[in-house]
Amino acid sequence: MTDLLEKRKLLLRSRYNYNFDREIYVNQQEKKVFSLEFVEDKPRDEIERALLEQTSGDWRFYFNAPPSTAIRRQLEALLEE
């Protein structure tokens, strides 16, 4: 089994849904978003640590580069629907 497939299964088991249009994994309850690039590029243990991180109630984005303010607002509005 490939490393990428294992990471995807980890996210799906952790109740993350994949958004094909945005290429992101989202967990509405945890308020966390992982970009596909982040999942592809980061080792599994880094993703596991990110899954365990506590959030303060604000959306947390795990991207290789932080999303711009405009993109962040757009994603937050989309995810709050």
PDB file of N, CA and C in Angstrom:
ATOM      1  N   MET A   1       0.852  -1.173   0.000  1.00  0.00           N
ATOM      2  CA  MET A   1       0.000   0.000   0.000  1.00  0.00           C
ATOM      3  C   MET A   1       0.903   1.243   0.000  1.00  0.00           C
ATOM      4  N   THR A   2       0.562   2.211  -0.801  1.00  0.00           N
ATOM      5  CA  THR A   2       1.394   3.407  -0.891  1.00  0.00           C
ATOM      6  C   THR A   2       1.200   4.307   0.318  1.00  0.00           C
ATOM      7  N   ASP A   3       2.208   5.120   0.560  1.00  0.00           N
ATOM      8  CA  ASP A   3       2.154   6.057   1.684  1.00  0.00           C
ATOM      9  C   ASP A   3       0.989   7.037   1.528  1.00  0.00           C
ATOM     10  N   LEU A   4       0.769   7.543   0.310  1.00  0.00           N
ATOM     11  CA  LEU A   4      -0.327   8.487   0.077  1.00  0.00           C
ATOM     12  C   LEU A   4      -1.673   7.836   0.367  1.00  0.00           C
ATOM     13  N   LEU A   5      -1.844   6.624  -0.050  1.00  0.00           N
ATOM     14  CA  LEU A   5      -3.102   5.919   0.207  1.00  0.00           C
ATOM     15  C   LEU A   5      -3.309   5.737   1.710  1.00  0.00           C
ATOM     16  N   GLU A   6      -2.260   5.407   2.445  1.00  0.00           N
ATOM     17  CA  GLU A   6      -2.360   5.262   3.893  1.00  0.00           C
ATOM     18  C   GLU A   6      -2.748   6.588   4.551  1.00  0.00           C
ATOM     19  N   LYS A   7      -2.167   7.692   4.079  1.00  0.00           N
ATOM     20  CA  LYS A   7      -2.501   9.005   4.642  1.00  0.00           C
ATOM     21  C   LYS A   7      -3.953   9.367   4.347  1.00  0.00           C
ATOM     22  N   ARG A   8      -4.415   9.059   3.159  1.00  0.00           N
ATOM     23  CA  ARG A   8      -5.819   9.339   2.819  1.00  0.00           C
ATOM     24  C   ARG A   8      -6.765   8.521   3.678  1.00  0.00           C
ATOM     25  N   LYS A   9      -6.438   7.261   3.889  1.00  0.00           N
ATOM     26  CA  LYS A   9      -7.272   6.405   4.742  1.00  0.00           C
ATOM     27  C   LYS A   9      -7.295   6.924   6.168  1.00  0.00           C
ATOM     28  N   LEU A  10      -6.163   7.409   6.646  1.00  0.00           N
ATOM     29  CA  LEU A  10      -6.088   7.995   7.979  1.00  0.00           C
ATOM     30  C   LEU A  10      -7.059   9.173   8.110  1.00  0.00           C
ATOM     31  N   LEU A  11      -7.064  10.046   7.128  1.00  0.00           N
ATOM     32  CA  LEU A  11      -7.970  11.195   7.154  1.00  0.00           C
ATOM     33  C   LEU A  11      -9.433  10.762   7.075  1.00  0.00           C
ATOM     34  N   LEU A  12      -9.725   9.820   6.225  1.00  0.00           N
ATOM     35  CA  LEU A  12     -11.106   9.353   6.088  1.00  0.00           C
ATOM     36  C   LEU A  12     -11.588   8.676   7.371  1.00  0.00           C
ATOM     37  N   ARG A  13     -10.719   7.899   8.014  1.00  0.00           N
ATOM     38  CA  ARG A  13     -11.082   7.268   9.297  1.00  0.00           C
ATOM     39  C   ARG A  13     -11.293   8.321  10.384  1.00  0.00           C
ATOM     40  N   SER A  14     -10.637   9.460  10.240  1.00  0.00           N
ATOM     41  CA  SER A  14     -10.774  10.556  11.215  1.00  0.00           C
ATOM     42  C   SER A  14     -11.925  11.486  10.858  1.00  0.00           C
ATOM     43  N   ARG A  15     -12.798  11.028   9.978  1.00  0.00           N
ATOM     44  CA  ARG A  15     -14.017  11.745   9.570  1.00  0.00           C
ATOM     45  C   ARG A  15     -13.758  13.014   8.764  1.00  0.00           C
ATOM     46  N   TYR A  16     -12.746  12.976   7.919  1.00  0.00           N
ATOM     47  CA  TYR A  16     -12.498  14.070   6.990  1.00  0.00           C
ATOM     48  C   TYR A  16     -13.126  13.700   5.664  1.00  0.00           C
ATOM     49  N   ASN A  17     -13.802  14.666   5.062  1.00  0.00           N
ATOM     50  CA  ASN A  17     -14.402  14.475   3.744  1.00  0.00           C
ATOM     51  C   ASN A  17     -13.532  15.176   2.715  1.00  0.00           C
ATOM     52  N   TYR A  18     -13.447  14.567   1.545  1.00  0.00           N
ATOM     53  CA  TYR A  18     -12.642  15.160   0.491  1.00  0.00           C
ATOM     54  C   TYR A  18     -13.522  16.017  -0.409  1.00  0.00           C
ATOM     55  N   ASN A  19     -13.095  17.261  -0.652  1.00  0.00           N
ATOM     56  CA  ASN A  19     -13.792  18.176  -1.550  1.00  0.00           C
ATOM     57  C   ASN A  19     -13.006  18.204  -2.865  1.00  0.00           C
ATOM     58  N   PHE A  20     -13.567  17.595  -3.897  1.00  0.00           N
ATOM     59  CA  PHE A  20     -12.875  17.471  -5.181  1.00  0.00           C
ATOM     60  C   PHE A  20     -12.647  18.820  -5.850  1.00  0.00           C
ATOM     61  N   ASP A  21     -13.600  19.736  -5.709  1.00  0.00           N
ATOM     62  CA  ASP A  21     -13.472  21.045  -6.346  1.00  0.00           C
ATOM     63  C   ASP A  21     -12.319  21.851  -5.764  1.00  0.00           C
ATOM     64  N   ARG A  22     -12.133  21.771  -4.464  1.00  0.00           N
ATOM     65  CA  ARG A  22     -11.102  22.559  -3.770  1.00  0.00           C
ATOM     66  C   ARG A  22      -9.827  21.776  -3.484  1.00  0.00           C
ATOM     67  N   GLU A  23      -9.890  20.456  -3.681  1.00  0.00           N
ATOM     68  CA  GLU A  23      -8.764  19.566  -3.388  1.00  0.00           C
ATOM     69  C   GLU A  23      -8.309  19.707  -1.937  1.00  0.00           C
ATOM     70  N   ILE A  24      -9.302  19.566  -1.025  1.00  0.00           N
ATOM     71  CA  ILE A  24      -9.038  19.666   0.401  1.00  0.00           C
ATOM     72  C   ILE A  24      -9.789  18.566   1.140  1.00  0.00           C
ATOM     73  N   TYR A  25      -9.260  18.207   2.292  1.00  0.00           N
ATOM     74  CA  TYR A  25      -9.938  17.323   3.231  1.00  0.00           C
ATOM     75  C   TYR A  25     -10.470  18.202   4.357  1.00  0.00           C
ATOM     76  N   VAL A  26     -11.735  18.013   4.722  1.00  0.00           N
ATOM     77  CA  VAL A  26     -12.393  18.891   5.694  1.00  0.00           C
ATOM     78  C   VAL A  26     -13.070  18.061   6.782  1.00  0.00           C
ATOM     79  N   ASN A  27     -12.909  18.531   8.015  1.00  0.00           N
ATOM     80  CA  ASN A  27     -13.666  17.992   9.138  1.00  0.00           C
ATOM     81  C   ASN A  27     -14.402  19.173   9.767  1.00  0.00           C
ATOM     82  N   GLN A  28     -15.704  19.224   9.571  1.00  0.00           N
ATOM     83  CA  GLN A  28     -16.521  20.347  10.047  1.00  0.00           C
ATOM     84  C   GLN A  28     -16.496  20.452  11.575  1.00  0.00           C
ATOM     85  N   GLN A  29     -16.558  19.328  12.261  1.00  0.00           N
ATOM     86  CA  GLN A  29     -16.600  19.358  13.726  1.00  0.00           C
ATOM     87  C   GLN A  29     -15.273  19.827  14.315  1.00  0.00           C
ATOM     88  N   GLU A  30     -14.181  19.361  13.762  1.00  0.00           N
ATOM     89  CA  GLU A  30     -12.854  19.739  14.254  1.00  0.00           C
ATOM     90  C   GLU A  30     -12.420  21.117  13.752  1.00  0.00           C
ATOM     91  N   LYS A  31     -13.085  21.588  12.696  1.00  0.00           N
ATOM     92  CA  LYS A  31     -12.746  22.864  12.053  1.00  0.00           C
ATOM     93  C   LYS A  31     -11.299  22.866  11.561  1.00  0.00           C
ATOM     94  N   LYS A  32     -10.971  21.790  10.834  1.00  0.00           N
ATOM     95  CA  LYS A  32      -9.636  21.650  10.263  1.00  0.00           C
ATOM     96  C   LYS A  32      -9.755  21.329   8.781  1.00  0.00           C
ATOM     97  N   VAL A  33      -8.782  21.874   8.028  1.00  0.00           N
ATOM     98  CA  VAL A  33      -8.742  21.668   6.584  1.00  0.00           C
ATOM     99  C   VAL A  33      -7.316  21.306   6.194  1.00  0.00           C
ATOM    100  N   PHE A  34      -7.176  20.217   5.440  1.00  0.00           N
ATOM    101  CA  PHE A  34      -5.886  19.791   4.916  1.00  0.00           C
ATOM    102  C   PHE A  34      -5.915  19.891   3.399  1.00  0.00           C
ATOM    103  N   SER A  35      -4.938  20.571   2.825  1.00  0.00           N
ATOM    104  CA  SER A  35      -4.865  20.618   1.366  1.00  0.00           C
ATOM    105  C   SER A  35      -4.306  19.295   0.860  1.00  0.00           C
ATOM    106  N   LEU A  36      -4.663  18.941  -0.349  1.00  0.00           N
ATOM    107  CA  LEU A  36      -4.145  17.724  -0.957  1.00  0.00           C
ATOM    108  C   LEU A  36      -2.622  17.787  -1.050  1.00  0.00           C
ATOM    109  N   GLU A  37      -2.086  18.946  -1.396  1.00  0.00           N
ATOM    110  CA  GLU A  37      -0.627  19.105  -1.476  1.00  0.00           C
ATOM    111  C   GLU A  37       0.043  18.821  -0.140  1.00  0.00           C
ATOM    112  N   PHE A  38      -0.536  19.329   0.938  1.00  0.00           N
ATOM    113  CA  PHE A  38       0.011  19.095   2.273  1.00  0.00           C
ATOM    114  C   PHE A  38       0.050  17.596   2.558  1.00  0.00           C
ATOM    115  N   VAL A  39      -1.051  16.912   2.281  1.00  0.00           N
ATOM    116  CA  VAL A  39      -1.144  15.472   2.527  1.00  0.00           C
ATOM    117  C   VAL A  39      -0.122  14.721   1.688  1.00  0.00           C
ATOM    118  N   GLU A  40       0.045  15.123   0.448  1.00  0.00           N
ATOM    119  CA  GLU A  40       1.005  14.459  -0.432  1.00  0.00           C
ATOM    120  C   GLU A  40       2.445  14.696   0.014  1.00  0.00           C
ATOM    121  N   ASP A  41       2.741  15.904   0.477  1.00  0.00           N
ATOM    122  CA  ASP A  41       4.128  16.300   0.744  1.00  0.00           C
ATOM    123  C   ASP A  41       4.624  15.997   2.148  1.00  0.00           C
ATOM    124  N   LYS A  42       3.747  15.926   3.121  1.00  0.00           N
ATOM    125  CA  LYS A  42       4.167  15.769   4.518  1.00  0.00           C
ATOM    126  C   LYS A  42       4.175  14.295   4.919  1.00  0.00           C
ATOM    127  N   PRO A  43       5.073  13.938   5.830  1.00  0.00           N
ATOM    128  CA  PRO A  43       5.088  12.547   6.306  1.00  0.00           C
ATOM    129  C   PRO A  43       3.858  12.235   7.148  1.00  0.00           C
ATOM    130  N   ARG A  44       3.544  10.972   7.205  1.00  0.00           N
ATOM    131  CA  ARG A  44       2.353  10.517   7.934  1.00  0.00           C
ATOM    132  C   ARG A  44       2.362  10.976   9.387  1.00  0.00           C
ATOM    133  N   ASP A  45       3.516  10.922  10.051  1.00  0.00           N
ATOM    134  CA  ASP A  45       3.550  11.306  11.466  1.00  0.00           C
ATOM    135  C   ASP A  45       3.231  12.781  11.671  1.00  0.00           C
ATOM    136  N   GLU A  46       3.570  13.630  10.712  1.00  0.00           N
ATOM    137  CA  GLU A  46       3.218  15.053  10.818  1.00  0.00           C
ATOM    138  C   GLU A  46       1.704  15.243  10.675  1.00  0.00           C
ATOM    139  N   ILE A  47       1.097  14.489   9.803  1.00  0.00           N
ATOM    140  CA  ILE A  47      -0.358  14.548   9.632  1.00  0.00           C
ATOM    141  C   ILE A  47      -1.046  14.031  10.897  1.00  0.00           C
ATOM    142  N   GLU A  48      -0.524  12.955  11.463  1.00  0.00           N
ATOM    143  CA  GLU A  48      -1.096  12.423  12.697  1.00  0.00           C
ATOM    144  C   GLU A  48      -1.018  13.449  13.827  1.00  0.00           C
ATOM    145  N   ARG A  49       0.106  14.147  13.950  1.00  0.00           N
ATOM    146  CA  ARG A  49       0.233  15.191  14.982  1.00  0.00           C
ATOM    147  C   ARG A  49      -0.779  16.305  14.751  1.00  0.00           C
ATOM    148  N   ALA A  50      -0.955  16.700  13.483  1.00  0.00           N
ATOM    149  CA  ALA A  50      -1.910  17.760  13.151  1.00  0.00           C
ATOM    150  C   ALA A  50      -3.337  17.334  13.499  1.00  0.00           C
ATOM    151  N   LEU A  51      -3.641  16.067  13.294  1.00  0.00           N
ATOM    152  CA  LEU A  51      -4.975  15.568  13.631  1.00  0.00           C
ATOM    153  C   LEU A  51      -5.246  15.663  15.132  1.00  0.00           C
ATOM    154  N   LEU A  52      -4.211  15.534  15.932  1.00  0.00           N
ATOM    155  CA  LEU A  52      -4.359  15.572  17.392  1.00  0.00           C
ATOM    156  C   LEU A  52      -4.358  16.979  17.970  1.00  0.00           C
ATOM    157  N   GLU A  53      -3.921  17.966  17.194  1.00  0.00           N
ATOM    158  CA  GLU A  53      -3.866  19.342  17.691  1.00  0.00           C
ATOM    159  C   GLU A  53      -5.268  19.845  18.040  1.00  0.00           C
ATOM    160  N   GLN A  54      -5.335  20.576  19.124  1.00  0.00           N
ATOM    161  CA  GLN A  54      -6.595  21.195  19.541  1.00  0.00           C
ATOM    162  C   GLN A  54      -6.736  22.550  18.842  1.00  0.00           C
ATOM    163  N   THR A  55      -7.960  22.882  18.479  1.00  0.00           N
ATOM    164  CA  THR A  55      -8.222  24.183  17.875  1.00  0.00           C
ATOM    165  C   THR A  55      -8.965  25.055  18.877  1.00  0.00           C
ATOM    166  N   SER A  56      -8.907  26.336  18.657  1.00  0.00           N
ATOM    167  CA  SER A  56      -9.559  27.280  19.572  1.00  0.00           C
ATOM    168  C   SER A  56     -10.971  27.634  19.121  1.00  0.00           C
ATOM    169  N   GLY A  57     -11.507  26.891  18.188  1.00  0.00           N
ATOM    170  CA  GLY A  57     -12.837  27.191  17.669  1.00  0.00           C
ATOM    171  C   GLY A  57     -12.801  27.885  16.321  1.00  0.00           C
ATOM    172  N   ASP A  58     -11.611  28.334  15.923  1.00  0.00           N
ATOM    173  CA  ASP A  58     -11.433  28.927  14.597  1.00  0.00           C
ATOM    174  C   ASP A  58     -10.956  27.845  13.636  1.00  0.00           C
ATOM    175  N   TRP A  59     -11.196  28.069  12.363  1.00  0.00           N
ATOM    176  CA  TRP A  59     -10.728  27.129  11.361  1.00  0.00           C
ATOM    177  C   TRP A  59      -9.209  27.073  11.361  1.00  0.00           C
ATOM    178  N   ARG A  60      -8.678  25.879  11.205  1.00  0.00           N
ATOM    179  CA  ARG A  60      -7.232  25.670  11.130  1.00  0.00           C
ATOM    180  C   ARG A  60      -6.940  25.070   9.759  1.00  0.00           C
ATOM    181  N   PHE A  61      -6.023  25.702   9.021  1.00  0.00           N
ATOM    182  CA  PHE A  61      -5.683  25.273   7.673  1.00  0.00           C
ATOM    183  C   PHE A  61      -4.281  24.687   7.655  1.00  0.00           C
ATOM    184  N   TYR A  62      -4.167  23.482   7.142  1.00  0.00           N
ATOM    185  CA  TYR A  62      -2.882  22.817   6.981  1.00  0.00           C
ATOM    186  C   TYR A  62      -2.568  22.785   5.489  1.00  0.00           C
ATOM    187  N   PHE A  63      -1.848  23.789   5.073  1.00  0.00           N
ATOM    188  CA  PHE A  63      -1.447  23.943   3.682  1.00  0.00           C
ATOM    189  C   PHE A  63       0.078  24.064   3.668  1.00  0.00           C
ATOM    190  N   ASN A  64       0.696  23.816   2.529  1.00  0.00           N
ATOM    191  CA  ASN A  64       2.152  24.002   2.426  1.00  0.00           C
ATOM    192  C   ASN A  64       2.528  25.464   2.612  1.00  0.00           C
ATOM    193  N   ALA A  65       1.720  26.347   2.078  1.00  0.00           N
ATOM    194  CA  ALA A  65       1.888  27.793   2.265  1.00  0.00           C
ATOM    195  C   ALA A  65       0.550  28.314   2.776  1.00  0.00           C
ATOM    196  N   PRO A  66       0.564  29.194   3.765  1.00  0.00           N
ATOM    197  CA  PRO A  66      -0.712  29.692   4.303  1.00  0.00           C
ATOM    198  C   PRO A  66      -1.575  30.317   3.207  1.00  0.00           C
ATOM    199  N   PRO A  67      -2.880  30.040   3.230  1.00  0.00           N
ATOM    200  CA  PRO A  67      -3.760  30.653   2.231  1.00  0.00           C
ATOM    201  C   PRO A  67      -3.835  32.163   2.456  1.00  0.00           C
ATOM    202  N   SER A  68      -4.004  32.891   1.384  1.00  0.00           N
ATOM    203  CA  SER A  68      -4.154  34.343   1.503  1.00  0.00           C
ATOM    204  C   SER A  68      -5.410  34.650   2.313  1.00  0.00           C
ATOM    205  N   THR A  69      -5.505  35.868   2.788  1.00  0.00           N
ATOM    206  CA  THR A  69      -6.671  36.279   3.572  1.00  0.00           C
ATOM    207  C   THR A  69      -7.948  36.095   2.768  1.00  0.00           C
ATOM    208  N   ALA A  70      -7.912  36.465   1.491  1.00  0.00           N
ATOM    209  CA  ALA A  70      -9.102  36.340   0.641  1.00  0.00           C
ATOM    210  C   ALA A  70      -9.513  34.874   0.475  1.00  0.00           C
ATOM    211  N   ILE A  71      -8.561  34.009   0.221  1.00  0.00           N
ATOM    212  CA  ILE A  71      -8.859  32.583   0.054  1.00  0.00           C
ATOM    213  C   ILE A  71      -9.361  31.999   1.370  1.00  0.00           C
ATOM    214  N   ARG A  72      -8.731  32.390   2.461  1.00  0.00           N
ATOM    215  CA  ARG A  72      -9.147  31.904   3.779  1.00  0.00           C
ATOM    216  C   ARG A  72     -10.601  32.287   4.064  1.00  0.00           C
ATOM    217  N   ARG A  73     -10.957  33.540   3.810  1.00  0.00           N
ATOM    218  CA  ARG A  73     -12.341  33.992   4.030  1.00  0.00           C
ATOM    219  C   ARG A  73     -13.318  33.239   3.138  1.00  0.00           C
ATOM    220  N   GLN A  74     -12.911  33.032   1.891  1.00  0.00           N
ATOM    221  CA  GLN A  74     -13.755  32.307   0.945  1.00  0.00           C
ATOM    222  C   GLN A  74     -13.985  30.870   1.427  1.00  0.00           C
ATOM    223  N   LEU A  75     -12.924  30.209   1.864  1.00  0.00           N
ATOM    224  CA  LEU A  75     -13.057  28.845   2.358  1.00  0.00           C
ATOM    225  C   LEU A  75     -13.896  28.796   3.624  1.00  0.00           C
ATOM    226  N   GLU A  76     -13.667  29.707   4.547  1.00  0.00           N
ATOM    227  CA  GLU A  76     -14.449  29.724   5.779  1.00  0.00           C
ATOM    228  C   GLU A  76     -15.935  29.920   5.493  1.00  0.00           C
ATOM    229  N   ALA A  77     -16.260  30.822   4.569  1.00  0.00           N
ATOM    230  CA  ALA A  77     -17.662  31.049   4.211  1.00  0.00           C
ATOM    231  C   ALA A  77     -18.268  29.791   3.589  1.00  0.00           C
ATOM    232  N   LEU A  78     -17.528  29.135   2.721  1.00  0.00           N
ATOM    233  CA  LEU A  78     -17.982  27.917   2.083  1.00  0.00           C
ATOM    234  C   LEU A  78     -18.200  26.811   3.117  1.00  0.00           C
ATOM    235  N   LEU A  79     -17.280  26.704   4.058  1.00  0.00           N
ATOM    236  CA  LEU A  79     -17.338  25.627   5.043  1.00  0.00           C
ATOM    237  C   LEU A  79     -18.404  25.855   6.105  1.00  0.00           C
ATOM    238  N   GLU A  80     -18.798  27.080   6.327  1.00  0.00           N
ATOM    239  CA  GLU A  80     -19.811  27.384   7.330  1.00  0.00           C
ATOM    240  C   GLU A  80     -21.220  27.122   6.810  1.00  0.00           C
ATOM    241  N   GLU A  81     -21.371  26.899   5.520  1.00  0.00           N
ATOM    242  CA  GLU A  81     -22.707  26.687   4.933  1.00  0.00           C
ATOM    243  C   GLU A  81     -23.292  25.377   5.382  1.00  0.00           C
TER     244      GLU A  81
END
